[in-house]
Amino acid sequence: MQPVSLKTAVAPYGHTRALKDGSIRSEHLILDHVEVTPIIAAFRRMIRTLEFDVSEMALSTYLCARAHGKPLTAIPIFPLRTFLHGAIVYHTGTGIQNPKDLAGRRVGVRAYTVTSGVWVRGILKEEYGVDLDAVTWVTVDEEHVAEYSPPANVVRADGNDLSQMLLAGEIDAAIGLG
């Protein structure tokens, strides 16, 4: 039997290195690794063109893609997990003292459906009682799933840098800068 060849897009984590460098092999499988940096760029390519046979993908991107009928199947392997309570930062000149102070403010996030943003919004709502509809969410990049339409309280500032916007006072807080 001929081995199956799969084109893959997976980030170079310590725990994926052996697969990527060929230290671990199978006579039944050939992995053609495509290096995509940053790995989030592979998400969009996979969603829009099904470029890879196997692609790492953020859970929120996958769920959004499935909601819009994309022909994808997830396997429950999580190559990276992060504690996201510290993923939101704020400008010290805003007077923000606690999470509820984000109401009426502008909070930046790369794109509305990025996993870090989804998690942090959930944390803000469920743990701190923040009314997410009272926040203006400012995004600087397009969504991975082109068909997705964000809520009315999301505004685009394409091409801007969230760190610079925060320092300049154009946004009051930001998610996922590091």
Foldseek 3Di string as FASTA:
>chain_A
DAAAEWEEEDADDPVCPCVVVVVDDDRRYHYRYDYDPPLQVVLLCCLPPVPTPYYDDDPLSVVVSVVVPGPDDDDPDDPDDDDLCPQKDFQPVPPDDDLQVQQQFEEEEQECRDPSNVVNVCCSCPVVVHDPVRHQYEHAYYRSNNPDDDDPSYYYPHPDQPVVCRVVVVGGMYGHND
